[in-house]
Amino acid sequence: RCKPFFEAIKKGKRFEWTEECQRALDNLKETLISPPTLQKPKSKEMLFLYLGVSESAISAVLIREEGLLQSPIYYVSKALHDAELRYPPMEKLAFALVIAARKLRPYFQEHSITVRTSYPLRQILHRPDTSGRMVKWAIELGQFDIHYQPRTAIKAQALSDFIAEFTPTITIHCNNQPWVLYIDGSSTANRAGAGIVLADPENRLF
């Protein structure tokens, strides 16, 4: 939601201030001057979890509710890397729940947790044709008292999405130049056989 503002001030781009940028800046200022205070939950009360997913990060916000008031208890975020970046969107969502359960284990052990999401996460975790990774996660989550509810468009979800969007991305630079493998017969004064030579992109031989 603040992306237009950060895009406008990005180095190397022609500066253009739009109404969308101004709205994003106003929203950011409003958030900064009234940050939510983390609260301690009451014993055994039901807690609520909101999940956020982006291309390169996942996040979760654990909250407690008192009437119409929502108060955050803990924030969790994780930058995705390697194979995690290639997870399908639904697997990323399930992974966000698993990471939250691992990092917030004392809360999951002490409280019933209601996950609010727009997606059929419970059905996906338990369907017969799910991947081995998802089956493993379902077993891991099975030790906790987790419930699922449809998500409503409220602050906690916006906060979770914001954390996912701005979690720093881990960038790995790969050298795509090929290595070359030479396989041929070889002989010396004493013996003969097979030889293997491996050359890296800088032509170093192994």
Foldseek 3Di string as FASTA:
>chain_A
DQVVLCVQPDPPDDHDDDPVNVVSVVVVVVCVVDPADADDDDFAEEKEKEKAADLFKIKIWIWDDDPPDIGTHDIDMDTDDDCRSVDPPLVVRLVNVLVCCVVVVVDQAGYAYEYEEQDPNVCQLPPPPHDPVSVVSCVVSVVGNYHYDHHDPDDRNVVRNVCGVPDDHDDDDDDPDDKDKDKDKDADPVGTDIDIWIQDPVRDID
